[in-house]
């Protein structure tokens, strides 16, 4: 479970930052007709989000989460700033499970 936690944490932060950048690019694109940045950032964010989904599924399967919880964590990557909140929540939960298992 520990081996799956670190990639999840890293990707949660990266996806959170990239989502903020993507939203900024969308404002530039639709508010100011500047299309260049969104054409670059959109596919990068999409690829990184797919990696986030894989990391979430990997951690969820190893931690034996319910499908609803896994889906909720996956969807957290679609709302700006929410991936940061869920990263902390998931980290505390997994670290607690690891501590309980070793005690």
N, C-alpha and C. Protein backbone atom coordinates (compact mmCIF):
# COMPACT_ATOMS: atom_id res chain seq x y z
N UNK A 1 0.83 -1.20 0.00
CA UNK A 1 0.00 0.00 0.00
C UNK A 1 0.87 1.26 0.00
N UNK A 2 1.99 1.21 0.74
CA UNK A 2 2.88 2.36 0.77
C UNK A 2 3.45 2.67 -0.61
N UNK A 3 3.74 1.62 -1.37
CA UNK A 3 4.33 1.81 -2.69
C UNK A 3 3.35 2.50 -3.65
N UNK A 4 2.07 2.37 -3.42
CA UNK A 4 1.06 2.99 -4.28
C UNK A 4 0.69 4.39 -3.81
N UNK A 5 1.02 4.72 -2.57
CA UNK A 5 0.63 6.03 -2.03
C UNK A 5 1.45 7.17 -2.64
N UNK A 6 2.75 6.98 -2.78
CA UNK A 6 3.60 8.06 -3.28
C UNK A 6 3.23 8.49 -4.71
N UNK A 7 3.07 7.55 -5.66
CA UNK A 7 2.66 7.99 -7.01
C UNK A 7 1.31 8.71 -7.00
N UNK A 8 0.39 8.23 -6.15
CA UNK A 8 -0.90 8.89 -6.05
C UNK A 8 -0.73 10.33 -5.58
N UNK A 9 0.05 10.53 -4.53
CA UNK A 9 0.25 11.87 -3.97
C UNK A 9 0.88 12.80 -5.00
N UNK A 10 1.91 12.33 -5.68
CA UNK A 10 2.60 13.16 -6.67
C UNK A 10 1.64 13.53 -7.80
N UNK A 11 0.91 12.55 -8.30
CA UNK A 11 -0.01 12.82 -9.40
C UNK A 11 -1.19 13.69 -8.97
N UNK A 12 -1.63 13.56 -7.74
CA UNK A 12 -2.73 14.41 -7.26
C UNK A 12 -2.30 15.88 -7.29
N UNK A 13 -1.08 16.15 -6.85
CA UNK A 13 -0.59 17.53 -6.88
C UNK A 13 -0.39 18.01 -8.31
N UNK A 14 0.22 17.19 -9.14
CA UNK A 14 0.47 17.59 -10.53
C UNK A 14 -0.84 17.86 -11.25
N UNK A 15 -1.80 16.95 -11.10
CA UNK A 15 -3.10 17.13 -11.76
C UNK A 15 -3.82 18.37 -11.23
N UNK A 16 -3.71 18.62 -9.93
CA UNK A 16 -4.33 19.82 -9.36
C UNK A 16 -3.75 21.09 -9.93
N UNK A 17 -2.43 21.15 -10.03
CA UNK A 17 -1.78 22.33 -10.60
C UNK A 17 -2.12 22.46 -12.08
N UNK A 18 -2.06 21.35 -12.80
CA UNK A 18 -2.36 21.40 -14.23
C UNK A 18 -3.82 21.79 -14.49
N UNK A 19 -4.72 21.42 -13.61
CA UNK A 19 -6.11 21.80 -13.79
C UNK A 19 -6.28 23.31 -13.61
N UNK A 20 -5.56 23.88 -12.66
CA UNK A 20 -5.60 25.33 -12.48
C UNK A 20 -5.03 26.03 -13.72
N UNK A 21 -3.93 25.49 -14.24
CA UNK A 21 -3.34 26.05 -15.46
C UNK A 21 -4.31 25.92 -16.62
N UNK A 22 -4.98 24.77 -16.72
CA UNK A 22 -5.93 24.54 -17.81
C UNK A 22 -7.11 25.51 -17.72
N UNK A 23 -7.63 25.73 -16.53
CA UNK A 23 -8.73 26.68 -16.37
C UNK A 23 -8.28 28.08 -16.79
N UNK A 24 -7.06 28.45 -16.43
CA UNK A 24 -6.52 29.75 -16.84
C UNK A 24 -6.42 29.83 -18.36
N UNK A 25 -5.97 28.75 -18.98
CA UNK A 25 -5.88 28.71 -20.45
C UNK A 25 -7.26 28.81 -21.09
N UNK A 26 -8.26 28.20 -20.47
CA UNK A 26 -9.62 28.29 -21.02
C UNK A 26 -10.15 29.73 -20.92
N UNK A 27 -9.82 30.42 -19.85
CA UNK A 27 -10.21 31.83 -19.72
C UNK A 27 -9.54 32.64 -20.83
N UNK A 28 -8.27 32.36 -21.07
CA UNK A 28 -7.57 33.06 -22.15
C UNK A 28 -8.19 32.74 -23.51
N UNK A 29 -8.55 31.47 -23.70
CA UNK A 29 -9.09 31.05 -24.99
C UNK A 29 -10.48 31.65 -25.26
N UNK A 30 -11.37 31.49 -24.31
CA UNK A 30 -12.75 31.92 -24.55
C UNK A 30 -13.03 33.36 -24.13
N UNK A 31 -12.20 33.91 -23.28
CA UNK A 31 -12.41 35.30 -22.85
C UNK A 31 -11.62 36.30 -23.66
N UNK A 32 -10.45 35.88 -24.14
CA UNK A 32 -9.57 36.83 -24.82
C UNK A 32 -9.11 36.36 -26.20
N UNK A 33 -9.69 35.28 -26.69
CA UNK A 33 -9.35 34.71 -28.01
C UNK A 33 -7.87 34.40 -28.17
N UNK A 34 -7.24 33.91 -27.12
CA UNK A 34 -5.85 33.47 -27.18
C UNK A 34 -5.87 31.94 -27.07
N UNK A 35 -5.75 31.27 -28.22
CA UNK A 35 -5.94 29.82 -28.25
C UNK A 35 -4.67 29.01 -28.01
N UNK A 36 -3.52 29.58 -28.22
CA UNK A 36 -2.25 28.85 -28.17
C UNK A 36 -2.02 28.04 -26.91
N UNK A 37 -2.08 28.66 -25.74
CA UNK A 37 -1.78 27.91 -24.51
C UNK A 37 -2.70 26.71 -24.28
N UNK A 38 -3.98 26.85 -24.57
CA UNK A 38 -4.90 25.73 -24.31
C UNK A 38 -4.63 24.55 -25.23
N UNK A 39 -4.14 24.82 -26.44
CA UNK A 39 -3.82 23.73 -27.36
C UNK A 39 -2.63 22.90 -26.86
N UNK A 40 -1.78 23.51 -26.07
CA UNK A 40 -0.62 22.81 -25.52
C UNK A 40 -0.98 22.13 -24.20
N UNK A 41 -1.66 22.86 -23.33
CA UNK A 41 -1.93 22.38 -21.97
C UNK A 41 -3.00 21.29 -21.94
N UNK A 42 -4.01 21.38 -22.78
CA UNK A 42 -5.12 20.42 -22.75
C UNK A 42 -4.68 18.97 -22.90
N UNK A 43 -3.90 18.63 -23.94
CA UNK A 43 -3.50 17.22 -24.05
C UNK A 43 -2.55 16.76 -22.94
N UNK A 44 -1.70 17.66 -22.47
CA UNK A 44 -0.79 17.30 -21.37
C UNK A 44 -1.61 16.99 -20.12
N UNK A 45 -2.58 17.86 -19.82
CA UNK A 45 -3.43 17.63 -18.65
C UNK A 45 -4.21 16.32 -18.81
N UNK A 46 -4.73 16.07 -20.00
CA UNK A 46 -5.49 14.85 -20.24
C UNK A 46 -4.66 13.59 -19.99
N UNK A 47 -3.42 13.61 -20.47
CA UNK A 47 -2.53 12.47 -20.25
C UNK A 47 -2.23 12.30 -18.77
N UNK A 48 -1.92 13.39 -18.09
CA UNK A 48 -1.61 13.30 -16.66
C UNK A 48 -2.82 12.87 -15.84
N UNK A 49 -4.01 13.29 -16.27
CA UNK A 49 -5.22 12.87 -15.56
C UNK A 49 -5.42 11.36 -15.70
N UNK A 50 -5.11 10.81 -16.88
CA UNK A 50 -5.22 9.37 -17.06
C UNK A 50 -4.24 8.63 -16.13
N UNK A 51 -3.03 9.17 -15.97
CA UNK A 51 -2.08 8.58 -15.02
C UNK A 51 -2.61 8.66 -13.60
N UNK A 52 -3.26 9.78 -13.26
CA UNK A 52 -3.87 9.95 -11.94
C UNK A 52 -4.95 8.90 -11.71
N UNK A 53 -5.75 8.62 -12.73
CA UNK A 53 -6.78 7.60 -12.61
C UNK A 53 -6.17 6.22 -12.34
N UNK A 54 -5.10 5.91 -13.05
CA UNK A 54 -4.42 4.63 -12.85
C UNK A 54 -3.84 4.54 -11.44
N UNK A 55 -3.19 5.63 -10.99
CA UNK A 55 -2.61 5.64 -9.64
C UNK A 55 -3.69 5.51 -8.58
N UNK A 56 -4.83 6.16 -8.80
CA UNK A 56 -5.93 6.07 -7.85
C UNK A 56 -6.49 4.65 -7.80
N UNK A 57 -6.66 4.05 -8.96
CA UNK A 57 -7.17 2.68 -9.01
C UNK A 57 -6.19 1.72 -8.34
N UNK A 58 -4.91 1.91 -8.60
CA UNK A 58 -3.89 1.06 -7.99
C UNK A 58 -3.94 1.17 -6.47
N UNK A 59 -3.97 2.37 -5.96
CA UNK A 59 -4.03 2.57 -4.51
C UNK A 59 -5.33 2.03 -3.93
N UNK A 60 -6.43 2.30 -4.62
CA UNK A 60 -7.72 1.84 -4.14
C UNK A 60 -7.84 0.33 -4.07
N UNK A 61 -7.27 -0.35 -5.05
CA UNK A 61 -7.31 -1.81 -5.05
C UNK A 61 -6.43 -2.37 -3.92
N UNK A 62 -5.26 -1.78 -3.73
CA UNK A 62 -4.36 -2.26 -2.68
C UNK A 62 -4.91 -1.96 -1.29
N UNK A 63 -5.62 -0.82 -1.15
CA UNK A 63 -6.18 -0.45 0.15
C UNK A 63 -7.57 -1.07 0.36
N UNK A 64 -8.07 -1.74 -0.67
CA UNK A 64 -9.39 -2.39 -0.61
C UNK A 64 -10.52 -1.41 -0.29
N UNK A 65 -10.50 -0.29 -1.04
CA UNK A 65 -11.56 0.70 -0.90
C UNK A 65 -12.81 0.22 -1.64
N UNK A 66 -13.93 0.80 -1.30
CA UNK A 66 -15.16 0.52 -2.05
C UNK A 66 -15.06 1.21 -3.41
N UNK A 67 -15.83 0.72 -4.36
CA UNK A 67 -15.82 1.34 -5.69
C UNK A 67 -16.32 2.78 -5.64
N UNK A 68 -17.25 3.05 -4.74
CA UNK A 68 -17.76 4.41 -4.62
C UNK A 68 -16.67 5.37 -4.15
N UNK A 69 -15.86 4.93 -3.21
CA UNK A 69 -14.78 5.78 -2.71
C UNK A 69 -13.72 6.00 -3.79
N UNK A 70 -13.38 4.94 -4.51
CA UNK A 70 -12.41 5.07 -5.61
C UNK A 70 -12.93 6.06 -6.64
N UNK A 71 -14.19 5.93 -7.01
CA UNK A 71 -14.77 6.83 -8.00
C UNK A 71 -14.78 8.27 -7.49
N UNK A 72 -15.08 8.47 -6.22
CA UNK A 72 -15.07 9.81 -5.64
C UNK A 72 -13.68 10.44 -5.69
N UNK A 73 -12.66 9.65 -5.38
CA UNK A 73 -11.28 10.16 -5.44
C UNK A 73 -10.90 10.47 -6.88
N UNK A 74 -11.33 9.64 -7.79
CA UNK A 74 -11.05 9.89 -9.21
C UNK A 74 -11.71 11.19 -9.67
N UNK A 75 -12.94 11.40 -9.28
CA UNK A 75 -13.65 12.61 -9.68
C UNK A 75 -13.10 13.87 -9.03
N UNK A 76 -12.39 13.71 -7.93
CA UNK A 76 -11.78 14.88 -7.26
C UNK A 76 -10.77 15.57 -8.17
N UNK A 77 -10.21 14.83 -9.11
CA UNK A 77 -9.26 15.42 -10.05
C UNK A 77 -9.90 16.27 -11.12
N UNK A 78 -11.23 16.36 -11.13
CA UNK A 78 -11.91 17.16 -12.15
C UNK A 78 -12.38 18.52 -11.63
N UNK A 79 -12.24 18.75 -10.33
CA UNK A 79 -12.68 20.01 -9.74
C UNK A 79 -11.44 20.77 -9.25
N UNK A 80 -11.25 22.00 -9.72
CA UNK A 80 -10.06 22.74 -9.30
C UNK A 80 -9.95 22.80 -7.77
N UNK A 81 -8.77 22.56 -7.27
CA UNK A 81 -8.38 22.58 -5.86
C UNK A 81 -8.85 21.36 -5.07
N UNK A 82 -9.82 20.61 -5.55
CA UNK A 82 -10.33 19.48 -4.78
C UNK A 82 -9.33 18.33 -4.71
N UNK A 83 -8.48 18.20 -5.72
CA UNK A 83 -7.49 17.11 -5.67
C UNK A 83 -6.52 17.32 -4.52
N UNK A 84 -6.25 18.57 -4.15
CA UNK A 84 -5.36 18.85 -3.02
C UNK A 84 -6.02 18.41 -1.71
N UNK A 85 -7.30 18.68 -1.58
CA UNK A 85 -8.05 18.30 -0.38
C UNK A 85 -8.10 16.78 -0.26
N UNK A 86 -8.43 16.11 -1.35
CA UNK A 86 -8.53 14.65 -1.31
C UNK A 86 -7.17 13.99 -1.12
N UNK A 87 -6.11 14.62 -1.63
CA UNK A 87 -4.78 14.05 -1.42
C UNK A 87 -4.48 13.97 0.07
N UNK A 88 -4.78 15.01 0.82
CA UNK A 88 -4.55 15.01 2.27
C UNK A 88 -5.43 13.98 2.95
N UNK A 89 -6.70 13.95 2.55
CA UNK A 89 -7.66 13.02 3.16
C UNK A 89 -7.25 11.57 2.92
N UNK A 90 -6.88 11.26 1.69
CA UNK A 90 -6.48 9.89 1.34
C UNK A 90 -5.17 9.52 2.04
N UNK A 91 -4.23 10.46 2.08
CA UNK A 91 -2.94 10.17 2.73
C UNK A 91 -3.14 9.85 4.21
N UNK A 92 -3.95 10.64 4.88
CA UNK A 92 -4.22 10.36 6.30
C UNK A 92 -4.89 9.01 6.48
N UNK A 93 -5.83 8.70 5.61
CA UNK A 93 -6.54 7.42 5.72
C UNK A 93 -5.59 6.25 5.51
N UNK A 94 -4.76 6.31 4.47
CA UNK A 94 -3.85 5.21 4.17
C UNK A 94 -2.78 5.09 5.24
N UNK A 95 -2.22 6.21 5.70
CA UNK A 95 -1.22 6.15 6.75
C UNK A 95 -1.81 5.57 8.04
N UNK A 96 -3.07 5.88 8.31
CA UNK A 96 -3.75 5.29 9.47
C UNK A 96 -3.93 3.80 9.32
N UNK A 97 -4.28 3.36 8.11
CA UNK A 97 -4.44 1.93 7.85
C UNK A 97 -3.11 1.20 7.97
N UNK A 98 -2.04 1.84 7.50
CA UNK A 98 -0.72 1.22 7.58
C UNK A 98 -0.29 1.12 9.05
N UNK A 99 -0.52 2.18 9.81
CA UNK A 99 -0.17 2.17 11.24
C UNK A 99 -0.96 1.10 11.99
N UNK A 100 -2.24 0.96 11.66
CA UNK A 100 -3.07 -0.05 12.32
C UNK A 100 -2.62 -1.46 11.96
N UNK A 101 -2.17 -1.64 10.73
CA UNK A 101 -1.74 -2.96 10.29
C UNK A 101 -0.42 -3.37 10.93
N UNK A 102 0.45 -2.41 11.21
CA UNK A 102 1.73 -2.73 11.82
C UNK A 102 1.67 -2.82 13.34
N UNK A 103 0.61 -2.26 13.92
CA UNK A 103 0.49 -2.28 15.39
C UNK A 103 -0.05 -3.58 15.90
